């Protein structure tokens, strides 16, 4: 399984209704960025949002990636972004 799929599946195990985008930012299979959009983030601080995502990733990423960047958004925040 590719690491991007491993990351995405780990996040979806905790937030099954989330929209998850994972990118290998350097093309080296070691530097990743994830954007996670979930209604579960509504009313939560940024720290609480990140804790929800990192919880299932701790084991999945352990000793497998060099760098990981995370962006979390509610569906409303995502809709307002120009993408």
C-alpha atoms as a PDB file:
ATOM      1  CA  UNK A   1       0.000   0.000   0.000  1.00  0.00           C
ATOM      2  CA  UNK A   2       1.300   3.451  -0.879  1.00  0.00           C
ATOM      3  CA  UNK A   3       1.973   5.817   1.986  1.00  0.00           C
ATOM      4  CA  UNK A   4      -0.575   8.325   0.673  1.00  0.00           C
ATOM      5  CA  UNK A   5      -3.234   5.602   0.887  1.00  0.00           C
ATOM      6  CA  UNK A   6      -1.982   4.544   4.317  1.00  0.00           C
ATOM      7  CA  UNK A   7      -2.348   8.114   5.594  1.00  0.00           C
ATOM      8  CA  UNK A   8      -5.761   8.607   4.012  1.00  0.00           C
ATOM      9  CA  UNK A   9      -7.103   5.299   5.327  1.00  0.00           C
ATOM     10  CA  UNK A  10      -5.819   6.002   8.840  1.00  0.00           C
ATOM     11  CA  UNK A  11      -7.591   9.368   8.888  1.00  0.00           C
ATOM     12  CA  UNK A  12     -10.794   7.875   7.494  1.00  0.00           C
ATOM     13  CA  UNK A  13     -10.738   5.199  10.196  1.00  0.00           C
ATOM     14  CA  UNK A  14     -11.308   7.974  12.763  1.00  0.00           C
ATOM     15  CA  UNK A  15     -13.300  10.392  10.571  1.00  0.00           C
ATOM     16  CA  UNK A  16     -15.191   8.196   8.077  1.00  0.00           C
ATOM     17  CA  UNK A  17     -17.276  11.065   6.669  1.00  0.00           C
ATOM     18  CA  UNK A  18     -14.246  13.307   6.049  1.00  0.00           C
ATOM     19  CA  UNK A  19     -12.924  14.430   2.705  1.00  0.00           C
ATOM     20  CA  UNK A  20      -9.184  13.730   2.741  1.00  0.00           C
ATOM     21  CA  UNK A  21      -6.542  14.940   0.289  1.00  0.00           C
ATOM     22  CA  UNK A  22      -2.979  13.650   0.743  1.00  0.00           C
ATOM     23  CA  UNK A  23      -0.057  14.883  -1.330  1.00  0.00           C
ATOM     24  CA  UNK A  24       3.551  13.688  -1.517  1.00  0.00           C
ATOM     25  CA  UNK A  25       4.980  17.220  -1.548  1.00  0.00           C
ATOM     26  CA  UNK A  26       8.566  16.355  -2.528  1.00  0.00           C
ATOM     27  CA  UNK A  27       7.883  13.280  -4.635  1.00  0.00           C
ATOM     28  CA  UNK A  28      10.168  11.270  -2.362  1.00  0.00           C
ATOM     29  CA  UNK A  29       7.551   9.250  -0.470  1.00  0.00           C
ATOM     30  CA  UNK A  30       8.705  10.897   2.781  1.00  0.00           C
ATOM     31  CA  UNK A  31       7.181  14.408   2.869  1.00  0.00           C
ATOM     32  CA  UNK A  32       3.391  14.659   2.970  1.00  0.00           C
ATOM     33  CA  UNK A  33       0.682  17.236   3.296  1.00  0.00           C
ATOM     34  CA  UNK A  34      -2.891  16.351   4.183  1.00  0.00           C
ATOM     35  CA  UNK A  35      -5.985  18.499   3.967  1.00  0.00           C
ATOM     36  CA  UNK A  36      -8.906  17.126   5.933  1.00  0.00           C
ATOM     37  CA  UNK A  37     -12.431  18.511   5.636  1.00  0.00           C
ATOM     38  CA  UNK A  38     -14.902  17.305   8.230  1.00  0.00           C
ATOM     39  CA  UNK A  39     -18.071  18.454   9.963  1.00  0.00           C
ATOM     40  CA  UNK A  40     -16.532  16.918  13.103  1.00  0.00           C
ATOM     41  CA  UNK A  41     -14.270  19.997  13.293  1.00  0.00           C
ATOM     42  CA  UNK A  42     -17.175  22.409  13.799  1.00  0.00           C
ATOM     43  CA  UNK A  43     -16.947  24.116  17.192  1.00  0.00           C
ATOM     44  CA  UNK A  44     -13.498  22.656  17.919  1.00  0.00           C
ATOM     45  CA  UNK A  45     -10.245  24.550  18.311  1.00  0.00           C
ATOM     46  CA  UNK A  46      -7.462  23.997  15.794  1.00  0.00           C
ATOM     47  CA  UNK A  47      -5.610  21.949  18.414  1.00  0.00           C
ATOM     48  CA  UNK A  48      -8.653  19.719  18.964  1.00  0.00           C
ATOM     49  CA  UNK A  49      -9.070  19.291  15.202  1.00  0.00           C
ATOM     50  CA  UNK A  50      -5.454  18.250  14.783  1.00  0.00           C
ATOM     51  CA  UNK A  51      -5.683  15.870  17.731  1.00  0.00           C
ATOM     52  CA  UNK A  52      -8.607  14.100  16.030  1.00  0.00           C
ATOM     53  CA  UNK A  53      -6.492  13.559  12.922  1.00  0.00           C
ATOM     54  CA  UNK A  54      -3.190  12.716  14.589  1.00  0.00           C
ATOM     55  CA  UNK A  55      -4.705  10.106  16.907  1.00  0.00           C
ATOM     56  CA  UNK A  56      -5.090   7.447  14.186  1.00  0.00           C
ATOM     57  CA  UNK A  57      -1.917   8.602  12.407  1.00  0.00           C
ATOM     58  CA  UNK A  58       0.470   8.068  15.304  1.00  0.00           C
ATOM     59  CA  UNK A  59       0.841   4.355  14.621  1.00  0.00           C
ATOM     60  CA  UNK A  60       0.381   4.591  10.843  1.00  0.00           C
ATOM     61  CA  UNK A  61       3.165   7.185  10.453  1.00  0.00           C
ATOM     62  CA  UNK A  62       5.552   5.934  13.116  1.00  0.00           C
ATOM     63  CA  UNK A  63       9.012   5.702  11.531  1.00  0.00           C
ATOM     64  CA  UNK A  64       7.487   5.835   8.034  1.00  0.00           C
ATOM     65  CA  UNK A  65       7.607   9.516   7.032  1.00  0.00           C
ATOM     66  CA  UNK A  66      10.071  12.330   7.523  1.00  0.00           C
ATOM     67  CA  UNK A  67       7.656  15.289   7.457  1.00  0.00           C
ATOM     68  CA  UNK A  68       3.893  15.713   7.683  1.00  0.00           C
ATOM     69  CA  UNK A  69       1.902  18.913   7.307  1.00  0.00           C
ATOM     70  CA  UNK A  70      -1.780  19.115   8.205  1.00  0.00           C
ATOM     71  CA  UNK A  71      -4.602  21.492   7.305  1.00  0.00           C
ATOM     72  CA  UNK A  72      -8.032  20.991   8.826  1.00  0.00           C
ATOM     73  CA  UNK A  73     -11.201  22.724   7.694  1.00  0.00           C
ATOM     74  CA  UNK A  74     -14.918  22.518   8.259  1.00  0.00           C
ATOM     75  CA  UNK A  75     -17.055  22.033   5.132  1.00  0.00           C
ATOM     76  CA  UNK A  76     -18.082  25.708   5.384  1.00  0.00           C
ATOM     77  CA  UNK A  77     -14.447  26.854   5.487  1.00  0.00           C
ATOM     78  CA  UNK A  78     -13.621  24.588   2.541  1.00  0.00           C
ATOM     79  CA  UNK A  79     -16.542  25.983   0.509  1.00  0.00           C
ATOM     80  CA  UNK A  80     -15.318  29.554   1.101  1.00  0.00           C
ATOM     81  CA  UNK A  81     -11.803  28.762  -0.161  1.00  0.00           C
ATOM     82  CA  UNK A  82     -11.155  29.446  -3.810  1.00  0.00           C
ATOM     83  CA  UNK A  83      -9.886  26.117  -5.086  1.00  0.00           C
END
